[in-house]
């Protein structure tokens, strides 16, 4: 497929400035509370990501950061928003539960129909819309029981995928949705890139069957959280350094754009973690 056949889609994102970013606790293997963090550097890197989205023609909404909620910058974990319905998050870890209400209140104030969850799930961290289907991760943060609730709220098929590598504790660290649905000869096909070793055997088989043309990333490649990336159907915003993923993206007609958010990696999050997709609702 040539680059001309990749179609950029204009998106609306929710982001949060990391004004209070630090690593004061450890809730994933990426975090080390004894290592100093540079909040000013995190803000500069975040600003470059924010400005990259604007340069690409996307709309960016902002939620105000709150002192003491160090991880609010990772807005993707705040919920899942589809067709104007916002299912809020219910965090597995106490350190992040204070974020739940501010995100739900923001959704309500901006025209979304808000659903307060019953089961534990961490928003787009573990819930990814691919075409008409929702891929749903579990094993570390989100409960398997939450998947039935997600299916009921959105009326869509939910595919459960068990994560087995603690370094890839959220689905969005191991899967990147490249475009929603690509029509080829009348056949609808979604494109993703993913790390097979992050999943159990059943999950690997499920992904291979559903996405036979997916980019499968070697286990040695994604140490930079490169799969924690954001695609608009043509442009793929991802973290450096350049790896084999870049070449595979270019071969398939995508345009990789590197933005360094290495300071935010210290909290276990990357570009996708900082980016919640808003579908529907009012501006």
C-alpha atoms as a PDB file:
ATOM      1  CA  UNK A   1       0.000   0.000   0.000  1.00  0.00           C
ATOM      2  CA  UNK A   2       1.428   3.382  -0.979  1.00  0.00           C
ATOM      3  CA  UNK A   3       1.639   6.370   1.386  1.00  0.00           C
ATOM      4  CA  UNK A   4      -1.002   8.192  -0.650  1.00  0.00           C
ATOM      5  CA  UNK A   5      -3.566   5.594   0.364  1.00  0.00           C
ATOM      6  CA  UNK A   6      -3.178   6.273   4.094  1.00  0.00           C
ATOM      7  CA  UNK A   7      -5.809   8.784   5.116  1.00  0.00           C
ATOM      8  CA  UNK A   8      -5.302  11.054   8.104  1.00  0.00           C
ATOM      9  CA  UNK A   9      -8.330  11.447  10.343  1.00  0.00           C
ATOM     10  CA  UNK A  10      -8.818  14.572  12.417  1.00  0.00           C
ATOM     11  CA  UNK A  11      -8.980  13.678  16.091  1.00  0.00           C
ATOM     12  CA  UNK A  12      -9.931  15.301  19.377  1.00  0.00           C
ATOM     13  CA  UNK A  13      -7.740  14.520  22.363  1.00  0.00           C
ATOM     14  CA  UNK A  14      -7.783  15.207  26.098  1.00  0.00           C
ATOM     15  CA  UNK A  15      -4.467  16.021  27.745  1.00  0.00           C
ATOM     16  CA  UNK A  16      -3.237  17.285  31.133  1.00  0.00           C
ATOM     17  CA  UNK A  17      -0.105  19.365  31.766  1.00  0.00           C
ATOM     18  CA  UNK A  18       2.318  17.527  34.083  1.00  0.00           C
ATOM     19  CA  UNK A  19       2.705  20.523  36.399  1.00  0.00           C
ATOM     20  CA  UNK A  20       2.853  18.240  39.432  1.00  0.00           C
ATOM     21  CA  UNK A  21       4.547  15.252  37.832  1.00  0.00           C
ATOM     22  CA  UNK A  22       6.932  13.302  40.013  1.00  0.00           C
ATOM     23  CA  UNK A  23       7.518   9.680  40.991  1.00  0.00           C
ATOM     24  CA  UNK A  24       6.729   9.509  44.686  1.00  0.00           C
ATOM     25  CA  UNK A  25       5.468   5.911  44.751  1.00  0.00           C
ATOM     26  CA  UNK A  26       5.921   2.711  42.749  1.00  0.00           C
ATOM     27  CA  UNK A  27       2.935   1.029  41.109  1.00  0.00           C
ATOM     28  CA  UNK A  28       4.581  -0.431  37.995  1.00  0.00           C
ATOM     29  CA  UNK A  29       8.044  -1.760  37.089  1.00  0.00           C
ATOM     30  CA  UNK A  30       9.014   1.450  35.290  1.00  0.00           C
ATOM     31  CA  UNK A  31       8.748   3.568  38.455  1.00  0.00           C
ATOM     32  CA  UNK A  32      11.614   4.183  40.886  1.00  0.00           C
ATOM     33  CA  UNK A  33      10.754   6.596  43.683  1.00  0.00           C
ATOM     34  CA  UNK A  34      14.410   6.993  44.646  1.00  0.00           C
ATOM     35  CA  UNK A  35      15.304   8.450  41.253  1.00  0.00           C
ATOM     36  CA  UNK A  36      14.982  12.210  40.853  1.00  0.00           C
ATOM     37  CA  UNK A  37      12.487  13.488  38.291  1.00  0.00           C
ATOM     38  CA  UNK A  38      12.619  16.801  36.452  1.00  0.00           C
ATOM     39  CA  UNK A  39       9.136  18.305  36.365  1.00  0.00           C
ATOM     40  CA  UNK A  40      10.185  21.216  34.146  1.00  0.00           C
ATOM     41  CA  UNK A  41      11.630  18.788  31.601  1.00  0.00           C
ATOM     42  CA  UNK A  42       8.440  16.715  31.720  1.00  0.00           C
ATOM     43  CA  UNK A  43       6.402  19.852  30.989  1.00  0.00           C
ATOM     44  CA  UNK A  44       8.647  20.792  28.038  1.00  0.00           C
ATOM     45  CA  UNK A  45       8.378  17.319  26.550  1.00  0.00           C
ATOM     46  CA  UNK A  46       4.624  17.232  27.106  1.00  0.00           C
ATOM     47  CA  UNK A  47       4.296  20.635  25.431  1.00  0.00           C
ATOM     48  CA  UNK A  48       6.104  19.350  22.352  1.00  0.00           C
ATOM     49  CA  UNK A  49       3.652  16.432  22.160  1.00  0.00           C
ATOM     50  CA  UNK A  50       0.718  18.796  22.582  1.00  0.00           C
ATOM     51  CA  UNK A  51       2.046  21.136  19.890  1.00  0.00           C
ATOM     52  CA  UNK A  52       2.723  18.209  17.544  1.00  0.00           C
ATOM     53  CA  UNK A  53      -0.959  17.289  17.655  1.00  0.00           C
ATOM     54  CA  UNK A  54      -1.928  20.875  16.863  1.00  0.00           C
ATOM     55  CA  UNK A  55       0.522  21.019  13.953  1.00  0.00           C
ATOM     56  CA  UNK A  56      -1.074  17.865  12.583  1.00  0.00           C
ATOM     57  CA  UNK A  57      -4.483  19.546  12.678  1.00  0.00           C
ATOM     58  CA  UNK A  58      -5.953  17.817  15.713  1.00  0.00           C
ATOM     59  CA  UNK A  59      -7.994  19.413  18.480  1.00  0.00           C
ATOM     60  CA  UNK A  60      -6.655  19.230  22.035  1.00  0.00           C
ATOM     61  CA  UNK A  61      -8.762  19.790  25.151  1.00  0.00           C
ATOM     62  CA  UNK A  62      -7.145  20.196  28.549  1.00  0.00           C
ATOM     63  CA  UNK A  63      -8.114  19.042  32.024  1.00  0.00           C
ATOM     64  CA  UNK A  64      -6.587  21.019  34.889  1.00  0.00           C
ATOM     65  CA  UNK A  65      -3.872  19.204  36.860  1.00  0.00           C
ATOM     66  CA  UNK A  66      -4.492  18.766  40.583  1.00  0.00           C
ATOM     67  CA  UNK A  67      -1.733  18.900  43.219  1.00  0.00           C
ATOM     68  CA  UNK A  68      -1.091  15.492  44.745  1.00  0.00           C
ATOM     69  CA  UNK A  69      -2.381  13.590  41.705  1.00  0.00           C
ATOM     70  CA  UNK A  70       1.017  13.020  40.117  1.00  0.00           C
ATOM     71  CA  UNK A  71      -0.251  10.762  37.337  1.00  0.00           C
ATOM     72  CA  UNK A  72      -3.097  12.888  35.932  1.00  0.00           C
ATOM     73  CA  UNK A  73      -0.850  13.571  32.931  1.00  0.00           C
ATOM     74  CA  UNK A  74      -1.684  10.018  31.826  1.00  0.00           C
ATOM     75  CA  UNK A  75      -5.168  11.012  30.692  1.00  0.00           C
ATOM     76  CA  UNK A  76      -5.730   7.851  28.658  1.00  0.00           C
ATOM     77  CA  UNK A  77      -6.361   6.031  31.930  1.00  0.00           C
ATOM     78  CA  UNK A  78      -9.225   8.376  32.835  1.00  0.00           C
ATOM     79  CA  UNK A  79     -11.906   6.583  30.822  1.00  0.00           C
ATOM     80  CA  UNK A  80     -13.114   5.312  27.451  1.00  0.00           C
ATOM     81  CA  UNK A  81     -15.149   7.672  25.260  1.00  0.00           C
ATOM     82  CA  UNK A  82     -17.141   6.407  22.274  1.00  0.00           C
ATOM     83  CA  UNK A  83     -20.107   8.048  20.511  1.00  0.00           C
ATOM     84  CA  UNK A  84     -20.481  10.689  23.208  1.00  0.00           C
ATOM     85  CA  UNK A  85     -20.579   8.169  26.053  1.00  0.00           C
ATOM     86  CA  UNK A  86     -17.786   8.331  28.626  1.00  0.00           C
ATOM     87  CA  UNK A  87     -17.229   5.279  30.812  1.00  0.00           C
ATOM     88  CA  UNK A  88     -15.128   6.489  33.719  1.00  0.00           C
ATOM     89  CA  UNK A  89     -12.208   4.581  35.180  1.00  0.00           C
ATOM     90  CA  UNK A  90     -12.068   2.690  38.446  1.00  0.00           C
ATOM     91  CA  UNK A  91      -8.402   2.430  39.327  1.00  0.00           C
ATOM     92  CA  UNK A  92      -6.880  -0.706  40.818  1.00  0.00           C
ATOM     93  CA  UNK A  93      -4.354   1.243  42.894  1.00  0.00           C
ATOM     94  CA  UNK A  94      -5.220   3.641  45.689  1.00  0.00           C
ATOM     95  CA  UNK A  95      -2.661   6.208  44.583  1.00  0.00           C
ATOM     96  CA  UNK A  96      -4.720   7.020  41.486  1.00  0.00           C
ATOM     97  CA  UNK A  97      -8.305   6.805  42.766  1.00  0.00           C
ATOM     98  CA  UNK A  98      -8.382  10.526  43.384  1.00  0.00           C
ATOM     99  CA  UNK A  99      -8.364  11.029  39.603  1.00  0.00           C
ATOM    100  CA  UNK A 100     -11.658   9.244  39.028  1.00  0.00           C
ATOM    101  CA  UNK A 101     -14.039  12.043  40.004  1.00  0.00           C
ATOM    102  CA  UNK A 102     -12.189  14.920  38.259  1.00  0.00           C
ATOM    103  CA  UNK A 103     -12.236  13.028  34.972  1.00  0.00           C
ATOM    104  CA  UNK A 104     -15.925  12.140  35.290  1.00  0.00           C
ATOM    105  CA  UNK A 105     -16.750  15.755  36.128  1.00  0.00           C
ATOM    106  CA  UNK A 106     -14.776  16.968  33.102  1.00  0.00           C
ATOM    107  CA  UNK A 107     -16.625  14.582  30.798  1.00  0.00           C
ATOM    108  CA  UNK A 108     -20.009  15.722  32.138  1.00  0.00           C
ATOM    109  CA  UNK A 109     -19.099  19.402  31.805  1.00  0.00           C
ATOM    110  CA  UNK A 110     -18.132  18.897  28.163  1.00  0.00           C
ATOM    111  CA  UNK A 111     -21.265  17.228  26.890  1.00  0.00           C
ATOM    112  CA  UNK A 112     -20.547  13.530  27.392  1.00  0.00           C
ATOM    113  CA  UNK A 113     -22.990  11.052  28.898  1.00  0.00           C
ATOM    114  CA  UNK A 114     -21.038   9.749  31.880  1.00  0.00           C
ATOM    115  CA  UNK A 115     -21.242   6.181  33.147  1.00  0.00           C
ATOM    116  CA  UNK A 116     -19.732   5.438  36.548  1.00  0.00           C
ATOM    117  CA  UNK A 117     -18.109   2.005  36.418  1.00  0.00           C
ATOM    118  CA  UNK A 118     -18.743  -0.876  38.793  1.00  0.00           C
ATOM    119  CA  UNK A 119     -15.798  -3.116  37.923  1.00  0.00           C
ATOM    120  CA  UNK A 120     -12.133  -2.137  37.974  1.00  0.00           C
ATOM    121  CA  UNK A 121     -10.732  -0.962  34.633  1.00  0.00           C
ATOM    122  CA  UNK A 122      -8.300   1.790  33.735  1.00  0.00           C
ATOM    123  CA  UNK A 123      -9.825   3.414  30.682  1.00  0.00           C
ATOM    124  CA  UNK A 124      -7.959   3.487  27.388  1.00  0.00           C
ATOM    125  CA  UNK A 125      -4.967   2.059  29.172  1.00  0.00           C
ATOM    126  CA  UNK A 126      -6.644  -1.329  28.837  1.00  0.00           C
ATOM    127  CA  UNK A 127      -9.517  -0.602  26.423  1.00  0.00           C
ATOM    128  CA  UNK A 128      -8.746   0.100  22.764  1.00  0.00           C
ATOM    129  CA  UNK A 129     -11.299   0.668  20.011  1.00  0.00           C
ATOM    130  CA  UNK A 130     -10.288  -1.090  16.778  1.00  0.00           C
ATOM    131  CA  UNK A 131     -12.933  -0.672  14.118  1.00  0.00           C
ATOM    132  CA  UNK A 132     -16.193  -1.735  15.751  1.00  0.00           C
ATOM    133  CA  UNK A 133     -14.449  -3.964  18.290  1.00  0.00           C
ATOM    134  CA  UNK A 134     -12.949  -3.145  21.682  1.00  0.00           C
ATOM    135  CA  UNK A 135      -9.744  -4.929  22.629  1.00  0.00           C
ATOM    136  CA  UNK A 136      -9.651  -5.261  26.418  1.00  0.00           C
ATOM    137  CA  UNK A 137      -6.579  -6.092  28.473  1.00  0.00           C
ATOM    138  CA  UNK A 138      -6.524  -7.672  31.925  1.00  0.00           C
ATOM    139  CA  UNK A 139      -4.084  -9.389  34.234  1.00  0.00           C
ATOM    140  CA  UNK A 140      -2.433  -6.505  36.070  1.00  0.00           C
ATOM    141  CA  UNK A 141      -4.735  -3.482  36.441  1.00  0.00           C
ATOM    142  CA  UNK A 142      -8.134  -4.137  34.893  1.00  0.00           C
ATOM    143  CA  UNK A 143     -10.426  -6.961  35.985  1.00  0.00           C
ATOM    144  CA  UNK A 144     -11.727  -9.493  33.496  1.00  0.00           C
ATOM    145  CA  UNK A 145     -15.199  -8.864  34.976  1.00  0.00           C
ATOM    146  CA  UNK A 146     -15.080  -5.306  33.629  1.00  0.00           C
ATOM    147  CA  UNK A 147     -15.259  -6.515  30.038  1.00  0.00           C
ATOM    148  CA  UNK A 148     -18.924  -7.511  30.256  1.00  0.00           C
ATOM    149  CA  UNK A 149     -19.697  -4.060  31.636  1.00  0.00           C
ATOM    150  CA  UNK A 150     -17.796  -2.398  28.775  1.00  0.00           C
ATOM    151  CA  UNK A 151     -19.695  -4.490  26.213  1.00  0.00           C
ATOM    152  CA  UNK A 152     -23.012  -3.530  27.819  1.00  0.00           C
ATOM    153  CA  UNK A 153     -22.235   0.199  27.991  1.00  0.00           C
ATOM    154  CA  UNK A 154     -21.068   0.526  24.383  1.00  0.00           C
ATOM    155  CA  UNK A 155     -22.986  -2.307  22.698  1.00  0.00           C
ATOM    156  CA  UNK A 156     -19.844  -3.622  20.998  1.00  0.00           C
ATOM    157  CA  UNK A 157     -17.891  -6.833  20.858  1.00  0.00           C
ATOM    158  CA  UNK A 158     -15.175  -6.942  23.523  1.00  0.00           C
ATOM    159  CA  UNK A 159     -12.155  -9.201  23.001  1.00  0.00           C
ATOM    160  CA  UNK A 160     -10.397 -10.143  26.251  1.00  0.00           C
ATOM    161  CA  UNK A 161      -6.592 -10.334  26.154  1.00  0.00           C
ATOM    162  CA  UNK A 162      -4.529 -11.442  29.138  1.00  0.00           C
ATOM    163  CA  UNK A 163      -1.271  -9.555  29.691  1.00  0.00           C
ATOM    164  CA  UNK A 164       1.549 -11.631  31.182  1.00  0.00           C
ATOM    165  CA  UNK A 165       4.623  -9.367  31.244  1.00  0.00           C
ATOM    166  CA  UNK A 166       4.521  -6.870  34.164  1.00  0.00           C
ATOM    167  CA  UNK A 167       6.571  -4.359  32.173  1.00  0.00           C
ATOM    168  CA  UNK A 168       3.588  -4.137  29.822  1.00  0.00           C
ATOM    169  CA  UNK A 169       0.939  -3.837  32.492  1.00  0.00           C
ATOM    170  CA  UNK A 170      -1.555  -1.924  30.337  1.00  0.00           C
ATOM    171  CA  UNK A 171      -2.781  -2.952  26.897  1.00  0.00           C
ATOM    172  CA  UNK A 172      -1.681   0.358  25.402  1.00  0.00           C
ATOM    173  CA  UNK A 173       1.956  -0.448  26.164  1.00  0.00           C
ATOM    174  CA  UNK A 174       1.744  -3.557  23.979  1.00  0.00           C
ATOM    175  CA  UNK A 175      -0.692  -2.585  21.195  1.00  0.00           C
ATOM    176  CA  UNK A 176      -0.896   0.451  18.916  1.00  0.00           C
ATOM    177  CA  UNK A 177      -4.023   0.978  16.810  1.00  0.00           C
ATOM    178  CA  UNK A 178      -2.762   2.292  13.466  1.00  0.00           C
ATOM    179  CA  UNK A 179      -6.076   3.046  11.842  1.00  0.00           C
ATOM    180  CA  UNK A 180      -9.664   2.207  12.750  1.00  0.00           C
ATOM    181  CA  UNK A 181     -10.867   0.331   9.670  1.00  0.00           C
ATOM    182  CA  UNK A 182      -9.226   0.290   6.262  1.00  0.00           C
ATOM    183  CA  UNK A 183     -11.378  -0.739   3.301  1.00  0.00           C
ATOM    184  CA  UNK A 184      -9.451  -2.907   0.843  1.00  0.00           C
ATOM    185  CA  UNK A 185     -11.401  -4.301  -2.080  1.00  0.00           C
ATOM    186  CA  UNK A 186     -14.615  -4.038  -0.103  1.00  0.00           C
ATOM    187  CA  UNK A 187     -13.125  -5.887   2.869  1.00  0.00           C
ATOM    188  CA  UNK A 188     -12.906  -4.035   6.165  1.00  0.00           C
ATOM    189  CA  UNK A 189      -9.604  -4.588   7.931  1.00  0.00           C
ATOM    190  CA  UNK A 190      -8.107  -2.897  10.951  1.00  0.00           C
ATOM    191  CA  UNK A 191      -4.391  -2.297  11.288  1.00  0.00           C
ATOM    192  CA  UNK A 192      -2.450  -2.627  14.525  1.00  0.00           C
ATOM    193  CA  UNK A 193       1.097  -3.128  15.750  1.00  0.00           C
ATOM    194  CA  UNK A 194       1.663  -5.266  18.823  1.00  0.00           C
ATOM    195  CA  UNK A 195       4.143  -7.125  20.993  1.00  0.00           C
ATOM    196  CA  UNK A 196       3.205 -10.841  20.968  1.00  0.00           C
ATOM    197  CA  UNK A 197       5.305 -11.708  24.017  1.00  0.00           C
ATOM    198  CA  UNK A 198       3.169  -9.422  26.209  1.00  0.00           C
ATOM    199  CA  UNK A 199       0.225 -11.846  25.897  1.00  0.00           C
ATOM    200  CA  UNK A 200      -0.562 -15.394  26.906  1.00  0.00           C
ATOM    201  CA  UNK A 201      -0.807 -18.103  24.261  1.00  0.00           C
ATOM    202  CA  UNK A 202      -4.543 -17.719  23.798  1.00  0.00           C
ATOM    203  CA  UNK A 203      -4.204 -13.953  23.356  1.00  0.00           C
ATOM    204  CA  UNK A 204      -1.424 -14.372  20.828  1.00  0.00           C
ATOM    205  CA  UNK A 205      -3.610 -16.715  18.822  1.00  0.00           C
ATOM    206  CA  UNK A 206      -6.572 -14.340  19.009  1.00  0.00           C
ATOM    207  CA  UNK A 207      -4.524 -11.412  17.733  1.00  0.00           C
ATOM    208  CA  UNK A 208      -2.926 -13.456  14.959  1.00  0.00           C
ATOM    209  CA  UNK A 209      -6.318 -14.657  13.748  1.00  0.00           C
ATOM    210  CA  UNK A 210      -7.976 -11.250  13.875  1.00  0.00           C
ATOM    211  CA  UNK A 211      -5.034  -9.214  12.563  1.00  0.00           C
ATOM    212  CA  UNK A 212      -3.032 -11.443  10.207  1.00  0.00           C
ATOM    213  CA  UNK A 213      -1.386  -8.408   8.588  1.00  0.00           C
ATOM    214  CA  UNK A 214      -0.440  -6.690  11.838  1.00  0.00           C
ATOM    215  CA  UNK A 215       3.060  -5.461  12.599  1.00  0.00           C
ATOM    216  CA  UNK A 216       4.449  -7.861  15.198  1.00  0.00           C
ATOM    217  CA  UNK A 217       7.225  -6.202  17.171  1.00  0.00           C
ATOM    218  CA  UNK A 218      10.156  -8.296  18.461  1.00  0.00           C
ATOM    219  CA  UNK A 219      10.494  -8.486  22.228  1.00  0.00           C
ATOM    220  CA  UNK A 220      13.797  -6.592  22.116  1.00  0.00           C
ATOM    221  CA  UNK A 221      12.340  -3.517  20.389  1.00  0.00           C
ATOM    222  CA  UNK A 222       9.707  -1.884  22.645  1.00  0.00           C
ATOM    223  CA  UNK A 223      11.879  -0.985  25.655  1.00  0.00           C
ATOM    224  CA  UNK A 224      11.287   2.706  24.867  1.00  0.00           C
ATOM    225  CA  UNK A 225       7.493   2.259  25.149  1.00  0.00           C
ATOM    226  CA  UNK A 226       7.386   2.794  21.384  1.00  0.00           C
ATOM    227  CA  UNK A 227       4.097   0.916  21.061  1.00  0.00           C
ATOM    228  CA  UNK A 228       2.568   3.410  23.473  1.00  0.00           C
ATOM    229  CA  UNK A 229       1.977   5.552  20.413  1.00  0.00           C
ATOM    230  CA  UNK A 230      -0.824   7.512  18.749  1.00  0.00           C
ATOM    231  CA  UNK A 231      -1.864   7.177  15.109  1.00  0.00           C
ATOM    232  CA  UNK A 232      -4.338   9.296  13.159  1.00  0.00           C
ATOM    233  CA  UNK A 233      -4.473   6.831  10.278  1.00  0.00           C
ATOM    234  CA  UNK A 234      -1.393   8.243   8.553  1.00  0.00           C
ATOM    235  CA  UNK A 235       0.883   9.913  11.097  1.00  0.00           C
ATOM    236  CA  UNK A 236       2.152   7.744  13.961  1.00  0.00           C
ATOM    237  CA  UNK A 237       3.505   9.757  16.886  1.00  0.00           C
ATOM    238  CA  UNK A 238       5.915   7.578  18.844  1.00  0.00           C
ATOM    239  CA  UNK A 239       8.921   7.723  21.126  1.00  0.00           C
ATOM    240  CA  UNK A 240      12.547   7.566  19.970  1.00  0.00           C
ATOM    241  CA  UNK A 241      14.896   5.876  19.317  1.00  0.00           C
ATOM    242  CA  UNK A 242      14.346   4.754  15.739  1.00  0.00           C
ATOM    243  CA  UNK A 243      13.846   0.975  15.620  1.00  0.00           C
ATOM    244  CA  UNK A 244      12.658  -1.647  13.175  1.00  0.00           C
ATOM    245  CA  UNK A 245       9.097  -0.465  13.824  1.00  0.00           C
ATOM    246  CA  UNK A 246       9.823   2.766  11.923  1.00  0.00           C
ATOM    247  CA  UNK A 247      10.842   0.871   8.806  1.00  0.00           C
ATOM    248  CA  UNK A 248       7.778  -1.353   8.976  1.00  0.00           C
ATOM    249  CA  UNK A 249       5.501   1.655   9.393  1.00  0.00           C
ATOM    250  CA  UNK A 250       7.051   3.408   6.393  1.00  0.00           C
ATOM    251  CA  UNK A 251       6.803   0.258   4.273  1.00  0.00           C
ATOM    252  CA  UNK A 252       3.048   0.263   4.940  1.00  0.00           C
ATOM    253  CA  UNK A 253       2.590   3.917   4.109  1.00  0.00           C
ATOM    254  CA  UNK A 254       2.563   5.450   7.596  1.00  0.00           C
ATOM    255  CA  UNK A 255       4.566   8.518   8.607  1.00  0.00           C
ATOM    256  CA  UNK A 256       6.436   8.056  11.909  1.00  0.00           C
ATOM    257  CA  UNK A 257       6.929  11.225  13.979  1.00  0.00           C
ATOM    258  CA  UNK A 258       9.230  10.988  16.996  1.00  0.00           C
ATOM    259  CA  UNK A 259       8.537  12.980  20.148  1.00  0.00           C
ATOM    260  CA  UNK A 260      10.760  12.508  23.185  1.00  0.00           C
ATOM    261  CA  UNK A 261       8.718  12.013  26.369  1.00  0.00           C
ATOM    262  CA  UNK A 262      11.460  10.128  28.193  1.00  0.00           C
ATOM    263  CA  UNK A 263      10.895  11.989  31.469  1.00  0.00           C
ATOM    264  CA  UNK A 264       7.294  10.805  31.510  1.00  0.00           C
ATOM    265  CA  UNK A 265       8.500   7.254  30.887  1.00  0.00           C
ATOM    266  CA  UNK A 266       9.801   7.369  34.473  1.00  0.00           C
ATOM    267  CA  UNK A 267       6.191   7.120  35.594  1.00  0.00           C
ATOM    268  CA  UNK A 268       5.544   4.168  33.308  1.00  0.00           C
ATOM    269  CA  UNK A 269       3.675   6.103  30.639  1.00  0.00           C
ATOM    270  CA  UNK A 270       4.375   7.317  27.138  1.00  0.00           C
ATOM    271  CA  UNK A 271       2.683   9.162  24.313  1.00  0.00           C
ATOM    272  CA  UNK A 272      -0.581   7.199  24.265  1.00  0.00           C
ATOM    273  CA  UNK A 273      -0.829   7.337  28.052  1.00  0.00           C
ATOM    274  CA  UNK A 274      -0.823  11.141  27.764  1.00  0.00           C
ATOM    275  CA  UNK A 275      -3.563  11.126  25.118  1.00  0.00           C
ATOM    276  CA  UNK A 276      -7.241  10.244  25.619  1.00  0.00           C
ATOM    277  CA  UNK A 277      -9.314  10.116  22.439  1.00  0.00           C
ATOM    278  CA  UNK A 278     -12.630  11.969  22.659  1.00  0.00           C
ATOM    279  CA  UNK A 279     -15.267  10.541  20.306  1.00  0.00           C
ATOM    280  CA  UNK A 280     -18.505  12.490  20.081  1.00  0.00           C
ATOM    281  CA  UNK A 281     -19.705  14.982  22.695  1.00  0.00           C
ATOM    282  CA  UNK A 282     -19.459  18.758  22.311  1.00  0.00           C
ATOM    283  CA  UNK A 283     -16.391  20.958  21.957  1.00  0.00           C
END
